Amino acid sequence: MVIYGVALLAFCYLTGIFLGDVLGALLGVKANVGGVGFAMLLLIILSNKGIDSGWLDKKSQEGIAFWSAMYIPIVVAMSSIQNVVAALSGGVVAILGGILGVALGFAFIPILSRKKG
């Protein structure tokens, strides 16, 4: 059912927001650090596992696909409220965080795109 796909998405979102808040607290930042990214990574991993093992049927995949199509406008709206100038003038942490995020993203491409044989 479509609702199961949306429920999986909601679980991933809430878990990602929690992990982002915990990471922000560990870094001493009073903000969510990477919560949406954690959520999307968790959704990708769980949905691929669900498809491979067969417990995520076609209708559930449609529920995930619907909200995945909504993801880009949501991220654009969220990023429009961020103060990039203040983040960059705040120090090296913002720049290193961006560089590390991009480097990890590139490092995970071969791992996630590996074909099963």
PDB file of N, CA and C in Angstrom:
ATOM      1  N   MET A   1       0.834  -1.183   0.000  1.00  0.00           N
ATOM      2  CA  MET A   1       0.000   0.000   0.000  1.00  0.00           C
ATOM      3  C   MET A   1       0.881   1.250   0.000  1.00  0.00           C
ATOM      4  N   VAL A   2       0.338   2.313  -0.546  1.00  0.00           N
ATOM      5  CA  VAL A   2       1.066   3.571  -0.631  1.00  0.00           C
ATOM      6  C   VAL A   2       1.405   4.092   0.761  1.00  0.00           C
ATOM      7  N   ILE A   3       0.517   3.875   1.706  1.00  0.00           N
ATOM      8  CA  ILE A   3       0.718   4.409   3.060  1.00  0.00           C
ATOM      9  C   ILE A   3       1.970   3.811   3.717  1.00  0.00           C
ATOM     10  N   TYR A   4       2.327   2.582   3.376  1.00  0.00           N
ATOM     11  CA  TYR A   4       3.536   1.991   3.949  1.00  0.00           C
ATOM     12  C   TYR A   4       4.792   2.703   3.441  1.00  0.00           C
ATOM     13  N   GLY A   5       4.773   3.091   2.176  1.00  0.00           N
ATOM     14  CA  GLY A   5       5.906   3.846   1.640  1.00  0.00           C
ATOM     15  C   GLY A   5       6.034   5.200   2.311  1.00  0.00           C
ATOM     16  N   VAL A   6       4.894   5.849   2.552  1.00  0.00           N
ATOM     17  CA  VAL A   6       4.916   7.142   3.227  1.00  0.00           C
ATOM     18  C   VAL A   6       5.332   6.967   4.686  1.00  0.00           C
ATOM     19  N   ALA A   7       4.895   5.858   5.310  1.00  0.00           N
ATOM     20  CA  ALA A   7       5.303   5.584   6.695  1.00  0.00           C
ATOM     21  C   ALA A   7       6.807   5.354   6.781  1.00  0.00           C
ATOM     22  N   LEU A   8       7.375   4.652   5.822  1.00  0.00           N
ATOM     23  CA  LEU A   8       8.824   4.442   5.795  1.00  0.00           C
ATOM     24  C   LEU A   8       9.545   5.777   5.627  1.00  0.00           C
ATOM     25  N   LEU A   9       9.014   6.627   4.772  1.00  0.00           N
ATOM     26  CA  LEU A   9       9.600   7.952   4.582  1.00  0.00           C
ATOM     27  C   LEU A   9       9.531   8.767   5.865  1.00  0.00           C
ATOM     28  N   ALA A  10       8.394   8.721   6.564  1.00  0.00           N
ATOM     29  CA  ALA A  10       8.246   9.462   7.819  1.00  0.00           C
ATOM     30  C   ALA A  10       9.216   8.939   8.874  1.00  0.00           C
ATOM     31  N   PHE A  11       9.369   7.621   8.954  1.00  0.00           N
ATOM     32  CA  PHE A  11      10.326   7.043   9.901  1.00  0.00           C
ATOM     33  C   PHE A  11      11.739   7.528   9.607  1.00  0.00           C
ATOM     34  N   CYS A  12      12.116   7.509   8.331  1.00  0.00           N
ATOM     35  CA  CYS A  12      13.463   7.950   7.953  1.00  0.00           C
ATOM     36  C   CYS A  12      13.653   9.430   8.257  1.00  0.00           C
ATOM     37  N   TYR A  13      12.623  10.229   8.012  1.00  0.00           N
ATOM     38  CA  TYR A  13      12.724  11.663   8.271  1.00  0.00           C
ATOM     39  C   TYR A  13      12.896  11.932   9.763  1.00  0.00           C
ATOM     40  N   LEU A  14      12.067  11.314  10.587  1.00  0.00           N
ATOM     41  CA  LEU A  14      12.164  11.545  12.030  1.00  0.00           C
ATOM     42  C   LEU A  14      13.496  11.053  12.588  1.00  0.00           C
ATOM     43  N   THR A  15      13.960   9.917  12.094  1.00  0.00           N
ATOM     44  CA  THR A  15      15.255   9.395  12.534  1.00  0.00           C
ATOM     45  C   THR A  15      16.390  10.325  12.094  1.00  0.00           C
ATOM     46  N   GLY A  16      16.311  10.811  10.863  1.00  0.00           N
ATOM     47  CA  GLY A  16      17.343  11.722  10.364  1.00  0.00           C
ATOM     48  C   GLY A  16      17.378  13.027  11.132  1.00  0.00           C
ATOM     49  N   ILE A  17      16.210  13.583  11.447  1.00  0.00           N
ATOM     50  CA  ILE A  17      16.159  14.822  12.224  1.00  0.00           C
ATOM     51  C   ILE A  17      16.742  14.601  13.621  1.00  0.00           C
ATOM     52  N   PHE A  18      16.427  13.460  14.218  1.00  0.00           N
ATOM     53  CA  PHE A  18      16.983  13.139  15.542  1.00  0.00           C
ATOM     54  C   PHE A  18      18.503  13.040  15.469  1.00  0.00           C
ATOM     55  N   LEU A  19      19.021  12.320  14.460  1.00  0.00           N
ATOM     56  CA  LEU A  19      20.474  12.181  14.318  1.00  0.00           C
ATOM     57  C   LEU A  19      21.138  13.532  14.048  1.00  0.00           C
ATOM     58  N   GLY A  20      20.486  14.386  13.273  1.00  0.00           N
ATOM     59  CA  GLY A  20      21.017  15.725  13.010  1.00  0.00           C
ATOM     60  C   GLY A  20      21.066  16.574  14.266  1.00  0.00           C
ATOM     61  N   ASP A  21      20.033  16.461  15.105  1.00  0.00           N
ATOM     62  CA  ASP A  21      20.035  17.192  16.377  1.00  0.00           C
ATOM     63  C   ASP A  21      21.131  16.686  17.310  1.00  0.00           C
ATOM     64  N   VAL A  22      21.311  15.364  17.350  1.00  0.00           N
ATOM     65  CA  VAL A  22      22.362  14.783  18.194  1.00  0.00           C
ATOM     66  C   VAL A  22      23.735  15.222  17.702  1.00  0.00           C
ATOM     67  N   LEU A  23      23.954  15.199  16.381  1.00  0.00           N
ATOM     68  CA  LEU A  23      25.237  15.623  15.835  1.00  0.00           C
ATOM     69  C   LEU A  23      25.482  17.103  16.115  1.00  0.00           C
ATOM     70  N   GLY A  24      24.439  17.910  16.002  1.00  0.00           N
ATOM     71  CA  GLY A  24      24.572  19.333  16.316  1.00  0.00           C
ATOM     72  C   GLY A  24      24.947  19.553  17.775  1.00  0.00           C
ATOM     73  N   ALA A  25      24.334  18.782  18.675  1.00  0.00           N
ATOM     74  CA  ALA A  25      24.658  18.900  20.097  1.00  0.00           C
ATOM     75  C   ALA A  25      26.088  18.448  20.374  1.00  0.00           C
ATOM     76  N   LEU A  26      26.524  17.388  19.710  1.00  0.00           N
ATOM     77  CA  LEU A  26      27.899  16.906  19.900  1.00  0.00           C
ATOM     78  C   LEU A  26      28.927  17.914  19.397  1.00  0.00           C
ATOM     79  N   LEU A  27      28.571  18.643  18.341  1.00  0.00           N
ATOM     80  CA  LEU A  27      29.481  19.644  17.789  1.00  0.00           C
ATOM     81  C   LEU A  27      29.366  20.988  18.486  1.00  0.00           C
ATOM     82  N   GLY A  28      28.395  21.105  19.384  1.00  0.00           N
ATOM     83  CA  GLY A  28      28.208  22.354  20.103  1.00  0.00           C
ATOM     84  C   GLY A  28      27.471  23.409  19.302  1.00  0.00           C
ATOM     85  N   VAL A  29      26.727  22.980  18.303  1.00  0.00           N
ATOM     86  CA  VAL A  29      25.967  23.888  17.456  1.00  0.00           C
ATOM     87  C   VAL A  29      24.498  23.762  17.845  1.00  0.00           C
ATOM     88  N   LYS A  30      23.827  24.886  18.008  1.00  0.00           N
ATOM     89  CA  LYS A  30      22.412  24.829  18.363  1.00  0.00           C
ATOM     90  C   LYS A  30      21.567  24.766  17.102  1.00  0.00           C
ATOM     91  N   ALA A  31      21.795  23.733  16.305  1.00  0.00           N
ATOM     92  CA  ALA A  31      21.064  23.557  15.050  1.00  0.00           C
ATOM     93  C   ALA A  31      21.107  22.092  14.652  1.00  0.00           C
ATOM     94  N   ASN A  32      20.253  21.746  13.729  1.00  0.00           N
ATOM     95  CA  ASN A  32      20.237  20.405  13.170  1.00  0.00           C
ATOM     96  C   ASN A  32      21.326  20.342  12.110  1.00  0.00           C
ATOM     97  N   VAL A  33      22.235  19.392  12.249  1.00  0.00           N
ATOM     98  CA  VAL A  33      23.362  19.277  11.327  1.00  0.00           C
ATOM     99  C   VAL A  33      23.178  18.028  10.469  1.00  0.00           C
ATOM    100  N   GLY A  34      22.697  18.219   9.257  1.00  0.00           N
ATOM    101  CA  GLY A  34      22.594  17.121   8.306  1.00  0.00           C
ATOM    102  C   GLY A  34      21.413  16.201   8.484  1.00  0.00           C
ATOM    103  N   GLY A  35      20.373  16.634   9.166  1.00  0.00           N
ATOM    104  CA  GLY A  35      19.232  15.762   9.435  1.00  0.00           C
ATOM    105  C   GLY A  35      18.532  15.285   8.182  1.00  0.00           C
ATOM    106  N   VAL A  36      18.306  16.176   7.221  1.00  0.00           N
ATOM    107  CA  VAL A  36      17.627  15.787   5.987  1.00  0.00           C
ATOM    108  C   VAL A  36      18.523  14.850   5.171  1.00  0.00           C
ATOM    109  N   GLY A  37      19.815  15.097   5.191  1.00  0.00           N
ATOM    110  CA  GLY A  37      20.746  14.200   4.492  1.00  0.00           C
ATOM    111  C   GLY A  37      20.760  12.812   5.099  1.00  0.00           C
ATOM    112  N   PHE A  38      20.781  12.738   6.436  1.00  0.00           N
ATOM    113  CA  PHE A  38      20.701  11.436   7.101  1.00  0.00           C
ATOM    114  C   PHE A  38      19.400  10.729   6.737  1.00  0.00           C
ATOM    115  N   ALA A  39      18.316  11.482   6.696  1.00  0.00           N
ATOM    116  CA  ALA A  39      17.008  10.902   6.374  1.00  0.00           C
ATOM    117  C   ALA A  39      16.998  10.315   4.969  1.00  0.00           C
ATOM    118  N   MET A  40      17.520  11.054   4.007  1.00  0.00           N
ATOM    119  CA  MET A  40      17.514  10.559   2.630  1.00  0.00           C
ATOM    120  C   MET A  40      18.441   9.362   2.455  1.00  0.00           C
ATOM    121  N   LEU A  41      19.590   9.393   3.117  1.00  0.00           N
ATOM    122  CA  LEU A  41      20.496   8.249   3.036  1.00  0.00           C
ATOM    123  C   LEU A  41      19.845   7.007   3.639  1.00  0.00           C
ATOM    124  N   LEU A  42      19.182   7.163   4.771  1.00  0.00           N
ATOM    125  CA  LEU A  42      18.482   6.046   5.413  1.00  0.00           C
ATOM    126  C   LEU A  42      17.347   5.552   4.525  1.00  0.00           C
ATOM    127  N   LEU A  43      16.618   6.464   3.886  1.00  0.00           N
ATOM    128  CA  LEU A  43      15.533   6.061   2.991  1.00  0.00           C
ATOM    129  C   LEU A  43      16.066   5.278   1.799  1.00  0.00           C
ATOM    130  N   ILE A  44      17.171   5.718   1.233  1.00  0.00           N
ATOM    131  CA  ILE A  44      17.760   4.999   0.101  1.00  0.00           C
ATOM    132  C   ILE A  44      18.160   3.591   0.516  1.00  0.00           C
ATOM    133  N   ILE A  45      18.825   3.484   1.654  1.00  0.00           N
ATOM    134  CA  ILE A  45      19.294   2.174   2.120  1.00  0.00           C
ATOM    135  C   ILE A  45      18.121   1.250   2.420  1.00  0.00           C
ATOM    136  N   LEU A  46      17.128   1.748   3.187  1.00  0.00           N
ATOM    137  CA  LEU A  46      16.000   0.896   3.563  1.00  0.00           C
ATOM    138  C   LEU A  46      15.113   0.536   2.373  1.00  0.00           C
ATOM    139  N   SER A  47      14.895   1.469   1.457  1.00  0.00           N
ATOM    140  CA  SER A  47      14.054   1.139   0.306  1.00  0.00           C
ATOM    141  C   SER A  47      14.746   0.141  -0.615  1.00  0.00           C
ATOM    142  N   ASN A  48      16.051   0.269  -0.800  1.00  0.00           N
ATOM    143  CA  ASN A  48      16.770  -0.722  -1.615  1.00  0.00           C
ATOM    144  C   ASN A  48      16.749  -2.093  -0.955  1.00  0.00           C
ATOM    145  N   LYS A  49      16.936  -2.126   0.370  1.00  0.00           N
ATOM    146  CA  LYS A  49      16.855  -3.414   1.087  1.00  0.00           C
ATOM    147  C   LYS A  49      15.458  -4.006   0.968  1.00  0.00           C
ATOM    148  N   GLY A  50      14.430  -3.152   1.072  1.00  0.00           N
ATOM    149  CA  GLY A  50      13.051  -3.623   0.972  1.00  0.00           C
ATOM    150  C   GLY A  50      12.712  -4.164  -0.396  1.00  0.00           C
ATOM    151  N   ILE A  51      13.207  -3.507  -1.433  1.00  0.00           N
ATOM    152  CA  ILE A  51      12.953  -3.978  -2.790  1.00  0.00           C
ATOM    153  C   ILE A  51      13.679  -5.297  -3.029  1.00  0.00           C
ATOM    154  N   ASP A  52      14.943  -5.378  -2.597  1.00  0.00           N
ATOM    155  CA  ASP A  52      15.730  -6.599  -2.809  1.00  0.00           C
ATOM    156  C   ASP A  52      15.160  -7.797  -2.061  1.00  0.00           C
ATOM    157  N   SER A  53      14.671  -7.556  -0.825  1.00  0.00           N
ATOM    158  CA  SER A  53      14.161  -8.680  -0.036  1.00  0.00           C
ATOM    159  C   SER A  53      12.682  -8.951  -0.288  1.00  0.00           C
ATOM    160  N   GLY A  54      11.993  -8.063  -0.996  1.00  0.00           N
ATOM    161  CA  GLY A  54      10.619  -8.318  -1.396  1.00  0.00           C
ATOM    162  C   GLY A  54       9.548  -7.826  -0.442  1.00  0.00           C
ATOM    163  N   TRP A  55       9.890  -7.199   0.668  1.00  0.00           N
ATOM    164  CA  TRP A  55       8.853  -6.731   1.597  1.00  0.00           C
ATOM    165  C   TRP A  55       8.329  -5.352   1.261  1.00  0.00           C
ATOM    166  N   LEU A  56       8.911  -4.686   0.279  1.00  0.00           N
ATOM    167  CA  LEU A  56       8.434  -3.381  -0.164  1.00  0.00           C
ATOM    168  C   LEU A  56       7.797  -3.559  -1.543  1.00  0.00           C
ATOM    169  N   ASP A  57       6.467  -3.649  -1.562  1.00  0.00           N
ATOM    170  CA  ASP A  57       5.771  -3.924  -2.812  1.00  0.00           C
ATOM    171  C   ASP A  57       5.690  -2.681  -3.705  1.00  0.00           C
ATOM    172  N   LYS A  58       5.075  -2.861  -4.875  1.00  0.00           N
ATOM    173  CA  LYS A  58       5.015  -1.797  -5.877  1.00  0.00           C
ATOM    174  C   LYS A  58       4.258  -0.575  -5.366  1.00  0.00           C
ATOM    175  N   LYS A  59       3.154  -0.780  -4.665  1.00  0.00           N
ATOM    176  CA  LYS A  59       2.370   0.345  -4.150  1.00  0.00           C
ATOM    177  C   LYS A  59       3.159   1.139  -3.110  1.00  0.00           C
ATOM    178  N   SER A  60       3.914   0.462  -2.269  1.00  0.00           N
ATOM    179  CA  SER A  60       4.752   1.156  -1.288  1.00  0.00           C
ATOM    180  C   SER A  60       5.833   1.969  -1.982  1.00  0.00           C
ATOM    181  N   GLN A  61       6.383   1.426  -3.048  1.00  0.00           N
ATOM    182  CA  GLN A  61       7.384   2.145  -3.819  1.00  0.00           C
ATOM    183  C   GLN A  61       6.791   3.405  -4.450  1.00  0.00           C
ATOM    184  N   GLU A  62       5.502   3.342  -4.823  1.00  0.00           N
ATOM    185  CA  GLU A  62       4.839   4.523  -5.378  1.00  0.00           C
ATOM    186  C   GLU A  62       4.701   5.620  -4.334  1.00  0.00           C
ATOM    187  N   GLY A  63       4.464   5.239  -3.081  1.00  0.00           N
ATOM    188  CA  GLY A  63       4.386   6.228  -2.008  1.00  0.00           C
ATOM    189  C   GLY A  63       5.711   6.929  -1.789  1.00  0.00           C
ATOM    190  N   ILE A  64       6.792   6.174  -1.871  1.00  0.00           N
ATOM    191  CA  ILE A  64       8.125   6.757  -1.730  1.00  0.00           C
ATOM    192  C   ILE A  64       8.444   7.636  -2.940  1.00  0.00           C
ATOM    193  N   ALA A  65       8.072   7.175  -4.125  1.00  0.00           N
ATOM    194  CA  ALA A  65       8.350   7.941  -5.345  1.00  0.00           C
ATOM    195  C   ALA A  65       7.622   9.277  -5.339  1.00  0.00           C
ATOM    196  N   PHE A  66       6.400   9.301  -4.811  1.00  0.00           N
ATOM    197  CA  PHE A  66       5.649  10.559  -4.749  1.00  0.00           C
ATOM    198  C   PHE A  66       6.388  11.586  -3.916  1.00  0.00           C
ATOM    199  N   TRP A  67       6.824  11.198  -2.729  1.00  0.00           N
ATOM    200  CA  TRP A  67       7.503  12.156  -1.856  1.00  0.00           C
ATOM    201  C   TRP A  67       8.918  12.434  -2.315  1.00  0.00           C
ATOM    202  N   SER A  68       9.516  11.505  -3.047  1.00  0.00           N
ATOM    203  CA  SER A  68      10.835  11.778  -3.622  1.00  0.00           C
ATOM    204  C   SER A  68      10.743  12.887  -4.665  1.00  0.00           C
ATOM    205  N   ALA A  69       9.636  12.915  -5.406  1.00  0.00           N
ATOM    206  CA  ALA A  69       9.444  13.982  -6.388  1.00  0.00           C
ATOM    207  C   ALA A  69       9.266  15.326  -5.697  1.00  0.00           C
ATOM    208  N   MET A  70       8.766  15.320  -4.473  1.00  0.00           N
ATOM    209  CA  MET A  70       8.572  16.547  -3.714  1.00  0.00           C
ATOM    210  C   MET A  70       9.849  16.995  -3.009  1.00  0.00           C
ATOM    211  N   TYR A  71      10.849  16.139  -2.965  1.00  0.00           N
ATOM    212  CA  TYR A  71      12.046  16.397  -2.168  1.00  0.00           C
ATOM    213  C   TYR A  71      12.815  17.630  -2.643  1.00  0.00           C
ATOM    214  N   ILE A  72      13.037  17.762  -3.934  1.00  0.00           N
ATOM    215  CA  ILE A  72      13.860  18.864  -4.447  1.00  0.00           C
ATOM    216  C   ILE A  72      13.232  20.227  -4.138  1.00  0.00           C
ATOM    217  N   PRO A  73      11.935  20.439  -4.393  1.00  0.00           N
ATOM    218  CA  PRO A  73      11.368  21.751  -4.017  1.00  0.00           C
ATOM    219  C   PRO A  73      11.433  22.021  -2.519  1.00  0.00           C
ATOM    220  N   ILE A  74      11.305  20.988  -1.705  1.00  0.00           N
ATOM    221  CA  ILE A  74      11.371  21.170  -0.254  1.00  0.00           C
ATOM    222  C   ILE A  74      12.775  21.603   0.154  1.00  0.00           C
ATOM    223  N   VAL A  75      13.797  20.964  -0.404  1.00  0.00           N
ATOM    224  CA  VAL A  75      15.176  21.309  -0.066  1.00  0.00           C
ATOM    225  C   VAL A  75      15.504  22.726  -0.534  1.00  0.00           C
ATOM    226  N   VAL A  76      15.008  23.106  -1.719  1.00  0.00           N
ATOM    227  CA  VAL A  76      15.242  24.460  -2.199  1.00  0.00           C
ATOM    228  C   VAL A  76      14.595  25.473  -1.257  1.00  0.00           C
ATOM    229  N   ALA A  77      13.379  25.179  -0.806  1.00  0.00           N
ATOM    230  CA  ALA A  77      12.707  26.081   0.123  1.00  0.00           C
ATOM    231  C   ALA A  77      13.441  26.159   1.454  1.00  0.00           C
ATOM    232  N   MET A  78      13.948  25.010   1.934  1.00  0.00           N
ATOM    233  CA  MET A  78      14.680  25.005   3.197  1.00  0.00           C
ATOM    234  C   MET A  78      15.992  25.771   3.074  1.00  0.00           C
ATOM    235  N   SER A  79      16.668  25.619   1.956  1.00  0.00           N
ATOM    236  CA  SER A  79      17.964  26.287   1.803  1.00  0.00           C
ATOM    237  C   SER A  79      17.807  27.787   1.601  1.00  0.00           C
ATOM    238  N   SER A  80      16.633  28.231   1.176  1.00  0.00           N
ATOM    239  CA  SER A  80      16.445  29.663   0.966  1.00  0.00           C
ATOM    240  C   SER A  80      16.414  30.441   2.277  1.00  0.00           C
ATOM    241  N   ILE A  81      16.208  29.756   3.392  1.00  0.00           N
ATOM    242  CA  ILE A  81      16.173  30.452   4.681  1.00  0.00           C
ATOM    243  C   ILE A  81      17.522  30.391   5.399  1.00  0.00           C
ATOM    244  N   GLN A  82      18.482  29.737   4.797  1.00  0.00           N
ATOM    245  CA  GLN A  82      19.797  29.632   5.417  1.00  0.00           C
ATOM    246  C   GLN A  82      20.613  30.895   5.136  1.00  0.00           C
ATOM    247  N   ASN A  83      21.428  31.292   6.078  1.00  0.00           N
ATOM    248  CA  ASN A  83      22.275  32.464   5.922  1.00  0.00           C
ATOM    249  C   ASN A  83      23.691  31.982   5.598  1.00  0.00           C
ATOM    250  N   VAL A  84      23.982  31.865   4.313  1.00  0.00           N
ATOM    251  CA  VAL A  84      25.256  31.315   3.866  1.00  0.00           C
ATOM    252  C   VAL A  84      26.403  32.249   4.223  1.00  0.00           C
ATOM    253  N   VAL A  85      26.217  33.552   4.094  1.00  0.00           N
ATOM    254  CA  VAL A  85      27.279  34.508   4.395  1.00  0.00           C
ATOM    255  C   VAL A  85      27.690  34.402   5.864  1.00  0.00           C
ATOM    256  N   ALA A  86      26.709  34.288   6.760  1.00  0.00           N
ATOM    257  CA  ALA A  86      27.026  34.151   8.184  1.00  0.00           C
ATOM    258  C   ALA A  86      27.727  32.825   8.461  1.00  0.00           C
ATOM    259  N   ALA A  87      27.323  31.781   7.755  1.00  0.00           N
ATOM    260  CA  ALA A  87      27.962  30.476   7.963  1.00  0.00           C
ATOM    261  C   ALA A  87      29.426  30.506   7.524  1.00  0.00           C
ATOM    262  N   LEU A  88      29.690  31.118   6.379  1.00  0.00           N
ATOM    263  CA  LEU A  88      31.066  31.168   5.887  1.00  0.00           C
ATOM    264  C   LEU A  88      31.939  32.098   6.717  1.00  0.00           C
ATOM    265  N   SER A  89      31.362  33.182   7.229  1.00  0.00           N
ATOM    266  CA  SER A  89      32.152  34.073   8.073  1.00  0.00           C
ATOM    267  C   SER A  89      32.314  33.518   9.477  1.00  0.00           C
ATOM    268  N   GLY A  90      31.576  32.476   9.797  1.00  0.00           N
ATOM    269  CA  GLY A  90      31.644  31.871  11.122  1.00  0.00           C
ATOM    270  C   GLY A  90      32.900  31.047  11.346  1.00  0.00           C
ATOM    271  N   GLY A  91      33.599  30.704  10.302  1.00  0.00           N
ATOM    272  CA  GLY A  91      34.844  29.986  10.498  1.00  0.00           C
ATOM    273  C   GLY A  91      35.053  28.856   9.518  1.00  0.00           C
ATOM    274  N   VAL A  92      36.041  28.074   9.837  1.00  0.00           N
ATOM    275  CA  VAL A  92      36.491  27.003   8.963  1.00  0.00           C
ATOM    276  C   VAL A  92      35.561  25.796   9.030  1.00  0.00           C
ATOM    277  N   VAL A  93      34.771  25.670  10.097  1.00  0.00           N
ATOM    278  CA  VAL A  93      33.921  24.489  10.278  1.00  0.00           C
ATOM    279  C   VAL A  93      32.917  24.355   9.139  1.00  0.00           C
ATOM    280  N   ALA A  94      32.316  25.452   8.713  1.00  0.00           N
ATOM    281  CA  ALA A  94      31.338  25.390   7.625  1.00  0.00           C
ATOM    282  C   ALA A  94      31.989  24.950   6.315  1.00  0.00           C
ATOM    283  N   ILE A  95      33.152  25.488   6.044  1.00  0.00           N
ATOM    284  CA  ILE A  95      33.852  25.138   4.802  1.00  0.00           C
ATOM    285  C   ILE A  95      34.302  23.678   4.845  1.00  0.00           C
ATOM    286  N   LEU A  96      34.870  23.250   5.955  1.00  0.00           N
ATOM    287  CA  LEU A  96      35.293  21.849   6.081  1.00  0.00           C
ATOM    288  C   LEU A  96      34.104  20.902   6.030  1.00  0.00           C
ATOM    289  N   GLY A  97      32.981  21.306   6.624  1.00  0.00           N
ATOM    290  CA  GLY A  97      31.781  20.476   6.569  1.00  0.00           C
ATOM    291  C   GLY A  97      31.297  20.276   5.149  1.00  0.00           C
ATOM    292  N   GLY A  98      31.315  21.343   4.364  1.00  0.00           N
ATOM    293  CA  GLY A  98      30.912  21.239   2.964  1.00  0.00           C
ATOM    294  C   GLY A  98      31.859  20.371   2.158  1.00  0.00           C
ATOM    295  N   ILE A  99      33.145  20.573   2.349  1.00  0.00           N
ATOM    296  CA  ILE A  99      34.134  19.778   1.618  1.00  0.00           C
ATOM    297  C   ILE A  99      34.043  18.311   2.007  1.00  0.00           C
ATOM    298  N   LEU A 100      33.893  18.041   3.298  1.00  0.00           N
ATOM    299  CA  LEU A 100      33.774  16.654   3.766  1.00  0.00           C
ATOM    300  C   LEU A 100      32.515  15.990   3.232  1.00  0.00           C
ATOM    301  N   GLY A 101      31.402  16.732   3.212  1.00  0.00           N
ATOM    302  CA  GLY A 101      30.158  16.179   2.678  1.00  0.00           C
ATOM    303  C   GLY A 101      30.271  15.799   1.211  1.00  0.00           C
ATOM    304  N   VAL A 102      30.885  16.670   0.427  1.00  0.00           N
ATOM    305  CA  VAL A 102      31.061  16.388  -0.999  1.00  0.00           C
ATOM    306  C   VAL A 102      32.021  15.214  -1.194  1.00  0.00           C
ATOM    307  N   ALA A 103      33.101  15.184  -0.425  1.00  0.00           N
ATOM    308  CA  ALA A 103      34.076  14.090  -0.552  1.00  0.00           C
ATOM    309  C   ALA A 103      33.438  12.747  -0.185  1.00  0.00           C
ATOM    310  N   LEU A 104      32.654  12.724   0.883  1.00  0.00           N
ATOM    311  CA  LEU A 104      31.971  11.475   1.259  1.00  0.00           C
ATOM    312  C   LEU A 104      30.949  11.065   0.211  1.00  0.00           C
ATOM    313  N   GLY A 105      30.264  12.045  -0.358  1.00  0.00           N
ATOM    314  CA  GLY A 105      29.309  11.741  -1.423  1.00  0.00           C
ATOM    315  C   GLY A 105      29.990  11.082  -2.615  1.00  0.00           C
ATOM    316  N   PHE A 106      31.115  11.648  -3.027  1.00  0.00           N
ATOM    317  CA  PHE A 106      31.867  11.045  -4.132  1.00  0.00           C
ATOM    318  C   PHE A 106      32.404   9.666  -3.766  1.00  0.00           C
ATOM    319  N   ALA A 107      32.797   9.481  -2.513  1.00  0.00           N
ATOM    320  CA  ALA A 107      33.327   8.186  -2.085  1.00  0.00           C
ATOM    321  C   ALA A 107      32.252   7.107  -2.079  1.00  0.00           C
ATOM    322  N   PHE A 108      30.999   7.500  -1.798  1.00  0.00           N
ATOM    323  CA  PHE A 108      29.917   6.514  -1.737  1.00  0.00           C
ATOM    324  C   PHE A 108      29.352   6.160  -3.106  1.00  0.00           C
ATOM    325  N   ILE A 109      29.654   6.922  -4.146  1.00  0.00           N
ATOM    326  CA  ILE A 109      29.108   6.635  -5.479  1.00  0.00           C
ATOM    327  C   ILE A 109      29.489   5.236  -5.958  1.00  0.00           C
ATOM    328  N   PRO A 110      30.767   4.831  -5.927  1.00  0.00           N
ATOM    329  CA  PRO A 110      31.094   3.487  -6.387  1.00  0.00           C
ATOM    330  C   PRO A 110      30.476   2.387  -5.517  1.00  0.00           C
ATOM    331  N   ILE A 111      30.343   2.660  -4.231  1.00  0.00           N
ATOM    332  CA  ILE A 111      29.778   1.656  -3.321  1.00  0.00           C
ATOM    333  C   ILE A 111      28.297   1.460  -3.605  1.00  0.00           C
ATOM    334  N   LEU A 112      27.563   2.558  -3.749  1.00  0.00           N
ATOM    335  CA  LEU A 112      26.118   2.458  -3.953  1.00  0.00           C
ATOM    336  C   LEU A 112      25.740   2.051  -5.357  1.00  0.00           C
ATOM    337  N   SER A 113      26.599   2.277  -6.346  1.00  0.00           N
ATOM    338  CA  SER A 113      26.260   1.925  -7.722  1.00  0.00           C
ATOM    339  C   SER A 113      26.821   0.573  -8.132  1.00  0.00           C
ATOM    340  N   ARG A 114      27.396  -0.155  -7.192  1.00  0.00           N
ATOM    341  CA  ARG A 114      27.962  -1.467  -7.479  1.00  0.00           C
ATOM    342  C   ARG A 114      26.868  -2.427  -7.903  1.00  0.00           C
ATOM    343  N   LYS A 115      27.104  -3.145  -8.984  1.00  0.00           N
ATOM    344  CA  LYS A 115      26.115  -4.109  -9.493  1.00  0.00           C
ATOM    345  C   LYS A 115      26.275  -5.427  -8.758  1.00  0.00           C
ATOM    346  N   LYS A 116      25.117  -6.012  -8.463  1.00  0.00           N
ATOM    347  CA  LYS A 116      25.142  -7.323  -7.791  1.00  0.00           C
ATOM    348  C   LYS A 116      25.221  -8.402  -8.844  1.00  0.00           C
ATOM    349  N   GLY A 117      26.085  -9.363  -8.604  1.00  0.00           N
ATOM    350  CA  GLY A 117      26.306 -10.370  -9.620  1.00  0.00           C
ATOM    351  C   GLY A 117      26.018 -11.720  -9.237  1.00  0.00           C
TER     352      GLY A 117
END
